[in-house]
Amino acid sequence: MSEYLGMMEFDNNLLERIKKVCEDTRAKDKTFKFQIKKSKFKKDKILIVSSESKNQSHRRLTWLVKKVLKEHNLIYWVKAKGGD
């Protein structure tokens, strides 16, 4: 079974909000797995959400970007774990 990673960069000012949303989601959905790490790219942090399918990964990150954090104009991307 493949695993897909949905990733979204963000600045430190959103850390607590994103962390709370992800923790609340994980409490309701035990399959929701996430990590927040220091980003190697342009922003301060990166959210990494692990999913069982590419479609599930897109749905989860679309929900975050378009519904929960829509006023911040964030973007995300999805890739297979271990892929480029």
N, C-alpha and C. Protein backbone atom coordinates (compact mmCIF):
# COMPACT_ATOMS: atom_id res chain seq x y z
N MET A 1 0.84 -1.19 0.00
CA MET A 1 0.00 0.00 0.00
C MET A 1 0.88 1.25 0.00
N SER A 2 0.60 2.16 -0.87
CA SER A 2 1.36 3.41 -0.95
C SER A 2 0.90 4.38 0.12
N GLU A 3 1.78 5.26 0.46
CA GLU A 3 1.44 6.34 1.38
C GLU A 3 1.73 7.65 0.67
N TYR A 4 0.85 8.61 0.85
CA TYR A 4 1.00 9.91 0.23
C TYR A 4 1.15 10.99 1.29
N LEU A 5 1.96 11.97 0.97
CA LEU A 5 2.21 13.08 1.88
C LEU A 5 1.66 14.36 1.27
N GLY A 6 0.77 15.00 1.99
CA GLY A 6 0.29 16.32 1.62
C GLY A 6 1.08 17.33 2.43
N MET A 7 1.64 18.32 1.77
CA MET A 7 2.51 19.28 2.45
C MET A 7 2.06 20.71 2.20
N MET A 8 2.21 21.52 3.23
CA MET A 8 1.82 22.92 3.15
C MET A 8 2.77 23.73 4.01
N GLU A 9 3.39 24.72 3.39
CA GLU A 9 4.27 25.62 4.14
C GLU A 9 3.46 26.75 4.76
N PHE A 10 3.94 27.23 5.90
CA PHE A 10 3.28 28.37 6.55
C PHE A 10 4.26 29.08 7.47
N ASP A 11 3.90 30.28 7.86
CA ASP A 11 4.74 31.08 8.75
C ASP A 11 4.39 30.80 10.21
N ASN A 12 5.33 31.13 11.10
CA ASN A 12 5.18 30.87 12.53
C ASN A 12 3.89 31.44 13.12
N ASN A 13 3.39 32.54 12.59
CA ASN A 13 2.19 33.16 13.16
C ASN A 13 0.95 32.25 13.05
N LEU A 14 0.99 31.23 12.20
CA LEU A 14 -0.14 30.30 12.05
C LEU A 14 0.08 28.98 12.80
N LEU A 15 1.21 28.83 13.45
CA LEU A 15 1.57 27.55 14.07
C LEU A 15 0.50 27.05 15.04
N GLU A 16 0.11 27.85 16.00
CA GLU A 16 -0.85 27.39 17.01
C GLU A 16 -2.20 27.06 16.40
N ARG A 17 -2.66 27.86 15.46
CA ARG A 17 -3.95 27.60 14.82
C ARG A 17 -3.93 26.28 14.04
N ILE A 18 -2.90 26.08 13.24
CA ILE A 18 -2.80 24.86 12.45
C ILE A 18 -2.64 23.64 13.36
N LYS A 19 -1.83 23.77 14.37
CA LYS A 19 -1.62 22.67 15.31
C LYS A 19 -2.94 22.28 15.98
N LYS A 20 -3.72 23.25 16.41
CA LYS A 20 -5.01 22.98 17.07
C LYS A 20 -5.98 22.31 16.11
N VAL A 21 -6.10 22.84 14.89
CA VAL A 21 -7.00 22.24 13.90
C VAL A 21 -6.60 20.78 13.63
N CYS A 22 -5.32 20.52 13.48
CA CYS A 22 -4.86 19.17 13.20
C CYS A 22 -5.08 18.24 14.39
N GLU A 23 -4.82 18.72 15.60
CA GLU A 23 -5.05 17.90 16.79
C GLU A 23 -6.53 17.60 16.97
N ASP A 24 -7.39 18.59 16.74
CA ASP A 24 -8.84 18.37 16.83
C ASP A 24 -9.31 17.37 15.78
N THR A 25 -8.76 17.46 14.58
CA THR A 25 -9.12 16.54 13.51
C THR A 25 -8.67 15.12 13.85
N ARG A 26 -7.46 15.00 14.37
CA ARG A 26 -6.93 13.68 14.75
C ARG A 26 -7.77 13.04 15.87
N ALA A 27 -8.30 13.86 16.78
CA ALA A 27 -9.14 13.34 17.86
C ALA A 27 -10.43 12.72 17.31
N LYS A 28 -10.93 13.27 16.19
CA LYS A 28 -12.16 12.76 15.57
C LYS A 28 -11.89 11.67 14.54
N ASP A 29 -10.70 11.67 13.95
CA ASP A 29 -10.35 10.74 12.88
C ASP A 29 -8.96 10.18 13.16
N LYS A 30 -8.91 8.98 13.68
CA LYS A 30 -7.63 8.37 14.08
C LYS A 30 -6.71 8.11 12.89
N THR A 31 -7.23 8.17 11.65
CA THR A 31 -6.37 7.96 10.47
C THR A 31 -5.66 9.25 10.06
N PHE A 32 -6.01 10.37 10.69
CA PHE A 32 -5.38 11.66 10.37
C PHE A 32 -4.05 11.75 11.10
N LYS A 33 -2.97 11.63 10.32
CA LYS A 33 -1.62 11.67 10.89
C LYS A 33 -0.91 12.90 10.35
N PHE A 34 -0.31 13.66 11.24
CA PHE A 34 0.37 14.88 10.80
C PHE A 34 1.64 15.12 11.59
N GLN A 35 2.52 15.90 10.98
CA GLN A 35 3.74 16.38 11.62
C GLN A 35 3.91 17.84 11.23
N ILE A 36 4.50 18.60 12.11
CA ILE A 36 4.89 19.97 11.78
C ILE A 36 6.39 20.06 12.01
N LYS A 37 7.10 20.48 10.98
CA LYS A 37 8.56 20.55 11.05
C LYS A 37 9.04 21.91 10.57
N LYS A 38 10.30 22.18 10.83
CA LYS A 38 10.94 23.37 10.28
C LYS A 38 11.05 23.17 8.78
N SER A 39 10.68 24.18 8.02
CA SER A 39 10.71 24.06 6.57
C SER A 39 12.11 24.31 6.02
N LYS A 40 12.44 23.61 4.95
CA LYS A 40 13.69 23.82 4.24
C LYS A 40 13.49 24.76 3.07
N PHE A 41 12.26 25.24 2.90
CA PHE A 41 11.92 26.07 1.76
C PHE A 41 11.79 27.53 2.18
N LYS A 42 10.79 28.24 1.68
CA LYS A 42 10.68 29.69 1.89
C LYS A 42 10.03 30.10 3.21
N LYS A 43 9.12 29.30 3.73
CA LYS A 43 8.39 29.67 4.93
C LYS A 43 9.04 29.05 6.16
N ASP A 44 8.51 29.40 7.35
CA ASP A 44 9.10 28.94 8.61
C ASP A 44 8.86 27.45 8.89
N LYS A 45 7.62 27.00 8.66
CA LYS A 45 7.22 25.64 9.03
C LYS A 45 6.59 24.93 7.85
N ILE A 46 6.52 23.60 7.98
CA ILE A 46 5.83 22.80 6.98
C ILE A 46 4.95 21.79 7.70
N LEU A 47 3.71 21.70 7.27
CA LEU A 47 2.78 20.70 7.75
C LEU A 47 2.84 19.52 6.80
N ILE A 48 2.97 18.33 7.35
CA ILE A 48 3.00 17.11 6.55
C ILE A 48 1.87 16.22 7.04
N VAL A 49 0.93 15.92 6.15
CA VAL A 49 -0.21 15.06 6.48
C VAL A 49 -0.06 13.77 5.69
N SER A 50 0.00 12.64 6.39
CA SER A 50 0.13 11.32 5.75
C SER A 50 -1.26 10.77 5.46
N SER A 51 -1.43 10.22 4.27
CA SER A 51 -2.71 9.65 3.86
C SER A 51 -2.48 8.35 3.11
N GLU A 52 -3.54 7.52 3.06
CA GLU A 52 -3.45 6.23 2.38
C GLU A 52 -3.58 6.34 0.87
N SER A 53 -4.17 7.43 0.40
CA SER A 53 -4.32 7.58 -1.05
C SER A 53 -4.04 9.03 -1.46
N LYS A 54 -3.74 9.19 -2.72
CA LYS A 54 -3.49 10.52 -3.26
C LYS A 54 -4.76 11.37 -3.16
N ASN A 55 -5.90 10.78 -3.45
CA ASN A 55 -7.17 11.48 -3.39
C ASN A 55 -7.48 11.95 -1.95
N GLN A 56 -7.27 11.07 -0.98
CA GLN A 56 -7.50 11.44 0.41
C GLN A 56 -6.58 12.59 0.83
N SER A 57 -5.35 12.54 0.40
CA SER A 57 -4.40 13.59 0.71
C SER A 57 -4.86 14.93 0.13
N HIS A 58 -5.29 14.93 -1.12
CA HIS A 58 -5.80 16.15 -1.75
C HIS A 58 -7.03 16.68 -1.02
N ARG A 59 -7.94 15.80 -0.65
CA ARG A 59 -9.15 16.23 0.06
C ARG A 59 -8.82 16.88 1.40
N ARG A 60 -7.90 16.28 2.13
CA ARG A 60 -7.53 16.82 3.45
C ARG A 60 -6.87 18.20 3.33
N LEU A 61 -5.93 18.31 2.42
CA LEU A 61 -5.23 19.59 2.29
C LEU A 61 -6.10 20.66 1.65
N THR A 62 -6.96 20.27 0.73
CA THR A 62 -7.90 21.23 0.14
C THR A 62 -8.81 21.79 1.22
N TRP A 63 -9.29 20.94 2.09
CA TRP A 63 -10.13 21.38 3.21
C TRP A 63 -9.39 22.41 4.07
N LEU A 64 -8.14 22.12 4.40
CA LEU A 64 -7.36 23.06 5.22
C LEU A 64 -7.14 24.40 4.51
N VAL A 65 -6.71 24.32 3.25
CA VAL A 65 -6.34 25.53 2.50
C VAL A 65 -7.56 26.35 2.08
N LYS A 66 -8.61 25.69 1.61
CA LYS A 66 -9.76 26.40 1.05
C LYS A 66 -10.86 26.72 2.06
N LYS A 67 -10.95 25.97 3.15
CA LYS A 67 -12.03 26.19 4.12
C LYS A 67 -11.51 26.77 5.43
N VAL A 68 -10.55 26.11 6.03
CA VAL A 68 -10.09 26.49 7.36
C VAL A 68 -9.18 27.71 7.34
N LEU A 69 -8.27 27.76 6.39
CA LEU A 69 -7.25 28.83 6.34
C LEU A 69 -7.36 29.66 5.07
N LYS A 70 -8.55 29.80 4.53
CA LYS A 70 -8.72 30.42 3.21
C LYS A 70 -8.22 31.86 3.14
N GLU A 71 -8.27 32.58 4.24
CA GLU A 71 -7.84 33.99 4.22
C GLU A 71 -6.33 34.16 4.11
N HIS A 72 -5.57 33.06 4.19
CA HIS A 72 -4.10 33.15 4.16
C HIS A 72 -3.49 32.80 2.80
N ASN A 73 -4.29 32.43 1.83
CA ASN A 73 -3.81 32.12 0.47
C ASN A 73 -2.63 31.15 0.46
N LEU A 74 -2.78 30.06 1.18
CA LEU A 74 -1.74 29.04 1.25
C LEU A 74 -1.87 28.07 0.08
N ILE A 75 -0.80 27.40 -0.21
CA ILE A 75 -0.82 26.37 -1.25
C ILE A 75 -0.30 25.06 -0.64
N TYR A 76 -0.61 23.96 -1.29
CA TYR A 76 -0.13 22.66 -0.83
C TYR A 76 0.29 21.84 -2.04
N TRP A 77 0.97 20.75 -1.75
CA TRP A 77 1.31 19.80 -2.79
C TRP A 77 1.27 18.40 -2.18
N VAL A 78 1.11 17.41 -3.05
CA VAL A 78 1.01 16.01 -2.63
C VAL A 78 2.05 15.21 -3.41
N LYS A 79 2.68 14.28 -2.71
CA LYS A 79 3.61 13.38 -3.39
C LYS A 79 3.57 12.03 -2.70
N ALA A 80 3.98 11.01 -3.42
CA ALA A 80 4.09 9.67 -2.85
C ALA A 80 5.25 9.68 -1.88
N LYS A 81 5.08 9.02 -0.75
CA LYS A 81 6.17 8.94 0.23
C LYS A 81 7.38 8.28 -0.41
N GLY A 82 8.52 8.91 -0.29
CA GLY A 82 9.72 8.40 -0.89
C GLY A 82 9.95 8.91 -2.31
N GLY A 83 8.95 9.59 -2.89
CA GLY A 83 9.07 10.12 -4.24
C GLY A 83 9.57 11.56 -4.21
N ASP A 84 9.86 12.09 -5.39
CA ASP A 84 10.33 13.48 -5.49
C ASP A 84 9.19 14.44 -5.62
